[in-house]
Amino acid sequence: MPEPSIKDEKTYEKVREQGASKEKAARIANAAAAEGRSTVSRRGGRSGSYEDMSRDELYERAKKVGLAGRSAMSKSELIDALRHH
């Protein structure tokens, strides 16, 4: 049974399959339903590659999203944690 708060089930399921949280998938799906998929997709992709960031920049991103244990992580561990949180 579809979620009553999800406006675009197809987009929601696709985003969930890519590993996004339920909340993030719902935001993307609802924005796509309201504004159109192409409009929403054009907004994405502005962030640089994690590999191009310094460890300090990665640490700050990890801090923003609340990753535990970030102070002991290496650059590669921070990248992995940010990609899979």
PDB file of N, CA and C in Angstrom:
ATOM      1  N   MET A   1       0.851  -1.189   0.000  1.00  0.00           N
ATOM      2  CA  MET A   1       0.000   0.000   0.000  1.00  0.00           C
ATOM      3  C   MET A   1       0.892   1.246   0.000  1.00  0.00           C
ATOM      4  N   PRO A   2       0.646   2.190  -0.878  1.00  0.00           N
ATOM      5  CA  PRO A   2       1.473   3.400  -0.944  1.00  0.00           C
ATOM      6  C   PRO A   2       1.336   4.258   0.317  1.00  0.00           C
ATOM      7  N   GLU A   3       2.426   4.928   0.631  1.00  0.00           N
ATOM      8  CA  GLU A   3       2.428   5.873   1.746  1.00  0.00           C
ATOM      9  C   GLU A   3       1.545   7.061   1.379  1.00  0.00           C
ATOM     10  N   PRO A   4       0.659   7.498   2.250  1.00  0.00           N
ATOM     11  CA  PRO A   4      -0.208   8.625   1.908  1.00  0.00           C
ATOM     12  C   PRO A   4       0.548   9.938   1.729  1.00  0.00           C
ATOM     13  N   SER A   5       1.730  10.080   2.353  1.00  0.00           N
ATOM     14  CA  SER A   5       2.478  11.332   2.239  1.00  0.00           C
ATOM     15  C   SER A   5       3.420  11.349   1.038  1.00  0.00           C
ATOM     16  N   ILE A   6       3.542  10.239   0.319  1.00  0.00           N
ATOM     17  CA  ILE A   6       4.414  10.167  -0.843  1.00  0.00           C
ATOM     18  C   ILE A   6       3.594  10.491  -2.094  1.00  0.00           C
ATOM     19  N   LYS A   7       4.029  11.510  -2.824  1.00  0.00           N
ATOM     20  CA  LYS A   7       3.279  11.960  -3.991  1.00  0.00           C
ATOM     21  C   LYS A   7       3.721  11.280  -5.283  1.00  0.00           C
ATOM     22  N   ASP A   8       4.952  10.750  -5.316  1.00  0.00           N
ATOM     23  CA  ASP A   8       5.478  10.098  -6.512  1.00  0.00           C
ATOM     24  C   ASP A   8       6.139   8.788  -6.086  1.00  0.00           C
ATOM     25  N   GLU A   9       5.330   7.726  -6.004  1.00  0.00           N
ATOM     26  CA  GLU A   9       5.795   6.415  -5.524  1.00  0.00           C
ATOM     27  C   GLU A   9       6.958   5.871  -6.342  1.00  0.00           C
ATOM     28  N   LYS A  10       6.909   6.036  -7.655  1.00  0.00           N
ATOM     29  CA  LYS A  10       7.955   5.494  -8.531  1.00  0.00           C
ATOM     30  C   LYS A  10       9.312   6.118  -8.199  1.00  0.00           C
ATOM     31  N   THR A  11       9.347   7.424  -8.065  1.00  0.00           N
ATOM     32  CA  THR A  11      10.584   8.112  -7.714  1.00  0.00           C
ATOM     33  C   THR A  11      11.024   7.723  -6.308  1.00  0.00           C
ATOM     34  N   TYR A  12      10.085   7.646  -5.383  1.00  0.00           N
ATOM     35  CA  TYR A  12      10.387   7.265  -4.007  1.00  0.00           C
ATOM     36  C   TYR A  12      11.084   5.904  -3.968  1.00  0.00           C
ATOM     37  N   GLU A  13      10.525   4.921  -4.652  1.00  0.00           N
ATOM     38  CA  GLU A  13      11.104   3.572  -4.651  1.00  0.00           C
ATOM     39  C   GLU A  13      12.494   3.563  -5.281  1.00  0.00           C
ATOM     40  N   LYS A  14      12.668   4.310  -6.367  1.00  0.00           N
ATOM     41  CA  LYS A  14      13.972   4.357  -7.036  1.00  0.00           C
ATOM     42  C   LYS A  14      15.032   4.976  -6.117  1.00  0.00           C
ATOM     43  N   VAL A  15      14.686   6.041  -5.434  1.00  0.00           N
ATOM     44  CA  VAL A  15      15.632   6.707  -4.536  1.00  0.00           C
ATOM     45  C   VAL A  15      15.951   5.807  -3.336  1.00  0.00           C
ATOM     46  N   ARG A  16      14.945   5.095  -2.821  1.00  0.00           N
ATOM     47  CA  ARG A  16      15.173   4.153  -1.710  1.00  0.00           C
ATOM     48  C   ARG A  16      16.113   3.032  -2.137  1.00  0.00           C
ATOM     49  N   GLU A  17      15.951   2.535  -3.363  1.00  0.00           N
ATOM     50  CA  GLU A  17      16.817   1.479  -3.881  1.00  0.00           C
ATOM     51  C   GLU A  17      18.264   1.948  -3.979  1.00  0.00           C
ATOM     52  N   GLN A  18      18.464   3.239  -4.160  1.00  0.00           N
ATOM     53  CA  GLN A  18      19.813   3.797  -4.242  1.00  0.00           C
ATOM     54  C   GLN A  18      20.420   4.020  -2.859  1.00  0.00           C
ATOM     55  N   GLY A  19      19.665   3.720  -1.812  1.00  0.00           N
ATOM     56  CA  GLY A  19      20.205   3.763  -0.461  1.00  0.00           C
ATOM     57  C   GLY A  19      19.829   4.975   0.362  1.00  0.00           C
ATOM     58  N   ALA A  20      18.954   5.824  -0.118  1.00  0.00           N
ATOM     59  CA  ALA A  20      18.558   7.011   0.644  1.00  0.00           C
ATOM     60  C   ALA A  20      17.605   6.618   1.777  1.00  0.00           C
ATOM     61  N   SER A  21      17.597   7.427   2.809  1.00  0.00           N
ATOM     62  CA  SER A  21      16.676   7.194   3.922  1.00  0.00           C
ATOM     63  C   SER A  21      15.237   7.419   3.465  1.00  0.00           C
ATOM     64  N   LYS A  22      14.305   6.958   4.249  1.00  0.00           N
ATOM     65  CA  LYS A  22      12.886   7.138   3.922  1.00  0.00           C
ATOM     66  C   LYS A  22      12.540   8.623   3.831  1.00  0.00           C
ATOM     67  N   GLU A  23      13.082   9.405   4.761  1.00  0.00           N
ATOM     68  CA  GLU A  23      12.777  10.836   4.792  1.00  0.00           C
ATOM     69  C   GLU A  23      13.331  11.549   3.554  1.00  0.00           C
ATOM     70  N   LYS A  24      14.581  11.231   3.209  1.00  0.00           N
ATOM     71  CA  LYS A  24      15.193  11.878   2.045  1.00  0.00           C
ATOM     72  C   LYS A  24      14.468  11.470   0.762  1.00  0.00           C
ATOM     73  N   ALA A  25      14.142  10.195   0.655  1.00  0.00           N
ATOM     74  CA  ALA A  25      13.429   9.711  -0.532  1.00  0.00           C
ATOM     75  C   ALA A  25      12.065  10.386  -0.654  1.00  0.00           C
ATOM     76  N   ALA A  26      11.376  10.572   0.465  1.00  0.00           N
ATOM     77  CA  ALA A  26      10.066  11.225   0.446  1.00  0.00           C
ATOM     78  C   ALA A  26      10.193  12.681   0.007  1.00  0.00           C
ATOM     79  N   ARG A  27      11.219  13.384   0.514  1.00  0.00           N
ATOM     80  CA  ARG A  27      11.423  14.784   0.108  1.00  0.00           C
ATOM     81  C   ARG A  27      11.672  14.891  -1.389  1.00  0.00           C
ATOM     82  N   ILE A  28      12.527  14.012  -1.908  1.00  0.00           N
ATOM     83  CA  ILE A  28      12.847  14.043  -3.334  1.00  0.00           C
ATOM     84  C   ILE A  28      11.615  13.707  -4.168  1.00  0.00           C
ATOM     85  N   ALA A  29      10.900  12.654  -3.771  1.00  0.00           N
ATOM     86  CA  ALA A  29       9.718  12.230  -4.527  1.00  0.00           C
ATOM     87  C   ALA A  29       8.639  13.302  -4.513  1.00  0.00           C
ATOM     88  N   ASN A  30       8.420  13.928  -3.369  1.00  0.00           N
ATOM     89  CA  ASN A  30       7.396  14.959  -3.277  1.00  0.00           C
ATOM     90  C   ASN A  30       7.790  16.214  -4.055  1.00  0.00           C
ATOM     91  N   ALA A  31       9.070  16.554  -4.043  1.00  0.00           N
ATOM     92  CA  ALA A  31       9.531  17.697  -4.830  1.00  0.00           C
ATOM     93  C   ALA A  31       9.378  17.396  -6.316  1.00  0.00           C
ATOM     94  N   ALA A  32       9.687  16.167  -6.706  1.00  0.00           N
ATOM     95  CA  ALA A  32       9.541  15.778  -8.110  1.00  0.00           C
ATOM     96  C   ALA A  32       8.081  15.846  -8.554  1.00  0.00           C
ATOM     97  N   ALA A  33       7.186  15.453  -7.676  1.00  0.00           N
ATOM     98  CA  ALA A  33       5.757  15.498  -8.009  1.00  0.00           C
ATOM     99  C   ALA A  33       5.275  16.939  -8.129  1.00  0.00           C
ATOM    100  N   ALA A  34       5.783  17.809  -7.282  1.00  0.00           N
ATOM    101  CA  ALA A  34       5.323  19.201  -7.269  1.00  0.00           C
ATOM    102  C   ALA A  34       5.934  20.035  -8.389  1.00  0.00           C
ATOM    103  N   GLU A  35       7.225  19.800  -8.671  1.00  0.00           N
ATOM    104  CA  GLU A  35       7.938  20.667  -9.612  1.00  0.00           C
ATOM    105  C   GLU A  35       8.310  19.994 -10.923  1.00  0.00           C
ATOM    106  N   GLY A  36       8.219  18.696 -10.978  1.00  0.00           N
ATOM    107  CA  GLY A  36       8.654  17.947 -12.159  1.00  0.00           C
ATOM    108  C   GLY A  36      10.019  17.331 -11.929  1.00  0.00           C
ATOM    109  N   ARG A  37      10.204  16.130 -12.419  1.00  0.00           N
ATOM    110  CA  ARG A  37      11.462  15.401 -12.188  1.00  0.00           C
ATOM    111  C   ARG A  37      12.674  16.113 -12.759  1.00  0.00           C
ATOM    112  N   SER A  38      12.560  16.682 -13.951  1.00  0.00           N
ATOM    113  CA  SER A  38      13.725  17.316 -14.570  1.00  0.00           C
ATOM    114  C   SER A  38      14.173  18.546 -13.782  1.00  0.00           C
ATOM    115  N   THR A  39      13.241  19.287 -13.230  1.00  0.00           N
ATOM    116  CA  THR A  39      13.582  20.462 -12.425  1.00  0.00           C
ATOM    117  C   THR A  39      14.344  20.046 -11.175  1.00  0.00           C
ATOM    118  N   VAL A  40      13.865  19.011 -10.521  1.00  0.00           N
ATOM    119  CA  VAL A  40      14.506  18.537  -9.297  1.00  0.00           C
ATOM    120  C   VAL A  40      15.879  17.949  -9.605  1.00  0.00           C
ATOM    121  N   SER A  41      16.004  17.197 -10.680  1.00  0.00           N
ATOM    122  CA  SER A  41      17.288  16.568 -11.001  1.00  0.00           C
ATOM    123  C   SER A  41      18.348  17.592 -11.380  1.00  0.00           C
ATOM    124  N   ARG A  42      17.960  18.716 -11.967  1.00  0.00           N
ATOM    125  CA  ARG A  42      18.935  19.762 -12.314  1.00  0.00           C
ATOM    126  C   ARG A  42      19.565  20.380 -11.081  1.00  0.00           C
ATOM    127  N   ARG A  43      18.850  20.360  -9.959  1.00  0.00           N
ATOM    128  CA  ARG A  43      19.390  20.940  -8.732  1.00  0.00           C
ATOM    129  C   ARG A  43      20.500  20.093  -8.139  1.00  0.00           C
ATOM    130  N   GLY A  44      20.487  18.812  -8.389  1.00  0.00           N
ATOM    131  CA  GLY A  44      21.477  17.916  -7.803  1.00  0.00           C
ATOM    132  C   GLY A  44      22.825  18.023  -8.493  1.00  0.00           C
ATOM    133  N   GLY A  45      23.825  17.411  -7.885  1.00  0.00           N
ATOM    134  CA  GLY A  45      25.126  17.291  -8.519  1.00  0.00           C
ATOM    135  C   GLY A  45      26.036  18.482  -8.406  1.00  0.00           C
ATOM    136  N   ARG A  46      25.766  19.417  -7.530  1.00  0.00           N
ATOM    137  CA  ARG A  46      26.619  20.604  -7.409  1.00  0.00           C
ATOM    138  C   ARG A  46      27.805  20.385  -6.473  1.00  0.00           C
ATOM    139  N   SER A  47      27.724  19.395  -5.639  1.00  0.00           N
ATOM    140  CA  SER A  47      28.765  19.142  -4.655  1.00  0.00           C
ATOM    141  C   SER A  47      29.983  18.514  -5.316  1.00  0.00           C
ATOM    142  N   GLY A  48      31.161  18.887  -4.837  1.00  0.00           N
ATOM    143  CA  GLY A  48      32.380  18.317  -5.364  1.00  0.00           C
ATOM    144  C   GLY A  48      32.575  16.884  -4.905  1.00  0.00           C
ATOM    145  N   SER A  49      33.553  16.248  -5.470  1.00  0.00           N
ATOM    146  CA  SER A  49      33.872  14.873  -5.120  1.00  0.00           C
ATOM    147  C   SER A  49      34.505  14.832  -3.734  1.00  0.00           C
ATOM    148  N   TYR A  50      34.135  13.824  -2.960  1.00  0.00           N
ATOM    149  CA  TYR A  50      34.730  13.668  -1.626  1.00  0.00           C
ATOM    150  C   TYR A  50      36.250  13.503  -1.727  1.00  0.00           C
ATOM    151  N   GLU A  51      36.716  12.854  -2.769  1.00  0.00           N
ATOM    152  CA  GLU A  51      38.156  12.634  -2.919  1.00  0.00           C
ATOM    153  C   GLU A  51      38.924  13.940  -3.088  1.00  0.00           C
ATOM    154  N   ASP A  52      38.256  14.976  -3.601  1.00  0.00           N
ATOM    155  CA  ASP A  52      38.905  16.267  -3.800  1.00  0.00           C
ATOM    156  C   ASP A  52      38.900  17.130  -2.544  1.00  0.00           C
ATOM    157  N   MET A  53      38.190  16.697  -1.509  1.00  0.00           N
ATOM    158  CA  MET A  53      38.099  17.464  -0.268  1.00  0.00           C
ATOM    159  C   MET A  53      39.217  17.067   0.688  1.00  0.00           C
ATOM    160  N   SER A  54      39.578  18.012   1.547  1.00  0.00           N
ATOM    161  CA  SER A  54      40.572  17.705   2.574  1.00  0.00           C
ATOM    162  C   SER A  54      39.907  16.921   3.697  1.00  0.00           C
ATOM    163  N   ARG A  55      40.714  16.314   4.554  1.00  0.00           N
ATOM    164  CA  ARG A  55      40.176  15.574   5.680  1.00  0.00           C
ATOM    165  C   ARG A  55      39.364  16.491   6.579  1.00  0.00           C
ATOM    166  N   ASP A  56      39.837  17.720   6.763  1.00  0.00           N
ATOM    167  CA  ASP A  56      39.113  18.677   7.605  1.00  0.00           C
ATOM    168  C   ASP A  56      37.739  19.018   7.031  1.00  0.00           C
ATOM    169  N   GLU A  57      37.661  19.172   5.717  1.00  0.00           N
ATOM    170  CA  GLU A  57      36.362  19.436   5.082  1.00  0.00           C
ATOM    171  C   GLU A  57      35.422  18.249   5.250  1.00  0.00           C
ATOM    172  N   LEU A  58      35.962  17.047   5.094  1.00  0.00           N
ATOM    173  CA  LEU A  58      35.159  15.842   5.283  1.00  0.00           C
ATOM    174  C   LEU A  58      34.697  15.721   6.731  1.00  0.00           C
ATOM    175  N   TYR A  59      35.584  16.062   7.653  1.00  0.00           N
ATOM    176  CA  TYR A  59      35.247  16.022   9.072  1.00  0.00           C
ATOM    177  C   TYR A  59      34.073  16.961   9.365  1.00  0.00           C
ATOM    178  N   GLU A  60      34.108  18.165   8.795  1.00  0.00           N
ATOM    179  CA  GLU A  60      33.028  19.124   9.011  1.00  0.00           C
ATOM    180  C   GLU A  60      31.708  18.621   8.439  1.00  0.00           C
ATOM    181  N   ARG A  61      31.761  17.974   7.286  1.00  0.00           N
ATOM    182  CA  ARG A  61      30.538  17.388   6.720  1.00  0.00           C
ATOM    183  C   ARG A  61      30.009  16.287   7.631  1.00  0.00           C
ATOM    184  N   ALA A  62      30.914  15.445   8.130  1.00  0.00           N
ATOM    185  CA  ALA A  62      30.518  14.356   9.026  1.00  0.00           C
ATOM    186  C   ALA A  62      29.913  14.914  10.302  1.00  0.00           C
ATOM    187  N   LYS A  63      30.454  16.018  10.772  1.00  0.00           N
ATOM    188  CA  LYS A  63      29.932  16.674  11.971  1.00  0.00           C
ATOM    189  C   LYS A  63      28.514  17.182  11.719  1.00  0.00           C
ATOM    190  N   LYS A  64      28.288  17.784  10.547  1.00  0.00           N
ATOM    191  CA  LYS A  64      26.956  18.303  10.197  1.00  0.00           C
ATOM    192  C   LYS A  64      25.898  17.211  10.186  1.00  0.00           C
ATOM    193  N   VAL A  65      26.262  16.027   9.685  1.00  0.00           N
ATOM    194  CA  VAL A  65      25.280  14.948   9.613  1.00  0.00           C
ATOM    195  C   VAL A  65      25.265  14.080  10.865  1.00  0.00           C
ATOM    196  N   GLY A  66      26.149  14.372  11.819  1.00  0.00           N
ATOM    197  CA  GLY A  66      26.115  13.689  13.100  1.00  0.00           C
ATOM    198  C   GLY A  66      26.730  12.300  13.116  1.00  0.00           C
ATOM    199  N   LEU A  67      27.772  12.077  12.320  1.00  0.00           N
ATOM    200  CA  LEU A  67      28.428  10.766  12.314  1.00  0.00           C
ATOM    201  C   LEU A  67      29.258  10.582  13.579  1.00  0.00           C
ATOM    202  N   ALA A  68      29.012   9.501  14.274  1.00  0.00           N
ATOM    203  CA  ALA A  68      29.749   9.193  15.500  1.00  0.00           C
ATOM    204  C   ALA A  68      31.126   8.642  15.148  1.00  0.00           C
ATOM    205  N   GLY A  69      32.114   8.949  15.977  1.00  0.00           N
ATOM    206  CA  GLY A  69      33.463   8.432  15.793  1.00  0.00           C
ATOM    207  C   GLY A  69      34.266   9.133  14.726  1.00  0.00           C
ATOM    208  N   ARG A  70      33.789  10.253  14.241  1.00  0.00           N
ATOM    209  CA  ARG A  70      34.433  10.940  13.119  1.00  0.00           C
ATOM    210  C   ARG A  70      35.838  11.440  13.445  1.00  0.00           C
ATOM    211  N   SER A  71      36.106  11.791  14.688  1.00  0.00           N
ATOM    212  CA  SER A  71      37.420  12.353  15.022  1.00  0.00           C
ATOM    213  C   SER A  71      38.545  11.331  14.875  1.00  0.00           C
ATOM    214  N   ALA A  72      38.225  10.059  15.002  1.00  0.00           N
ATOM    215  CA  ALA A  72      39.241   9.015  14.885  1.00  0.00           C
ATOM    216  C   ALA A  72      39.356   8.465  13.465  1.00  0.00           C
ATOM    217  N   MET A  73      38.513   8.940  12.545  1.00  0.00           N
ATOM    218  CA  MET A  73      38.493   8.384  11.185  1.00  0.00           C
ATOM    219  C   MET A  73      39.543   9.025  10.288  1.00  0.00           C
ATOM    220  N   SER A  74      40.083   8.203   9.407  1.00  0.00           N
ATOM    221  CA  SER A  74      40.989   8.697   8.368  1.00  0.00           C
ATOM    222  C   SER A  74      40.144   9.312   7.251  1.00  0.00           C
ATOM    223  N   LYS A  75      40.813   9.915   6.285  1.00  0.00           N
ATOM    224  CA  LYS A  75      40.099  10.521   5.167  1.00  0.00           C
ATOM    225  C   LYS A  75      39.260   9.474   4.442  1.00  0.00           C
ATOM    226  N   SER A  76      39.835   8.322   4.149  1.00  0.00           N
ATOM    227  CA  SER A  76      39.088   7.294   3.416  1.00  0.00           C
ATOM    228  C   SER A  76      37.929   6.746   4.246  1.00  0.00           C
ATOM    229  N   GLU A  77      38.089   6.661   5.558  1.00  0.00           N
ATOM    230  CA  GLU A  77      36.997   6.196   6.421  1.00  0.00           C
ATOM    231  C   GLU A  77      35.873   7.239   6.468  1.00  0.00           C
ATOM    232  N   LEU A  78      36.237   8.517   6.491  1.00  0.00           N
ATOM    233  CA  LEU A  78      35.232   9.569   6.460  1.00  0.00           C
ATOM    234  C   LEU A  78      34.442   9.528   5.162  1.00  0.00           C
ATOM    235  N   ILE A  79      35.132   9.341   4.053  1.00  0.00           N
ATOM    236  CA  ILE A  79      34.451   9.249   2.756  1.00  0.00           C
ATOM    237  C   ILE A  79      33.467   8.102   2.761  1.00  0.00           C
ATOM    238  N   ASP A  80      33.905   6.948   3.227  1.00  0.00           N
ATOM    239  CA  ASP A  80      33.034   5.767   3.259  1.00  0.00           C
ATOM    240  C   ASP A  80      31.834   6.015   4.178  1.00  0.00           C
ATOM    241  N   ALA A  81      32.077   6.590   5.345  1.00  0.00           N
ATOM    242  CA  ALA A  81      30.997   6.849   6.294  1.00  0.00           C
ATOM    243  C   ALA A  81      29.979   7.852   5.738  1.00  0.00           C
ATOM    244  N   LEU A  82      30.471   8.892   5.070  1.00  0.00           N
ATOM    245  CA  LEU A  82      29.567   9.881   4.488  1.00  0.00           C
ATOM    246  C   LEU A  82      28.745   9.289   3.350  1.00  0.00           C
ATOM    247  N   ARG A  83      29.332   8.427   2.589  1.00  0.00           N
ATOM    248  CA  ARG A  83      28.593   7.808   1.485  1.00  0.00           C
ATOM    249  C   ARG A  83      27.550   6.816   1.954  1.00  0.00           C
ATOM    250  N   HIS A  84      27.739   6.245   3.122  1.00  0.00           N
ATOM    251  CA  HIS A  84      26.852   5.177   3.574  1.00  0.00           C
ATOM    252  C   HIS A  84      26.081   5.515   4.847  1.00  0.00           C
ATOM    253  N   HIS A  85      25.972   6.779   5.197  1.00  0.00           N
ATOM    254  CA  HIS A  85      25.220   7.128   6.418  1.00  0.00           C
ATOM    255  C   HIS A  85      23.741   7.129   6.187  1.00  0.00           C
TER     256      HIS A  85
END
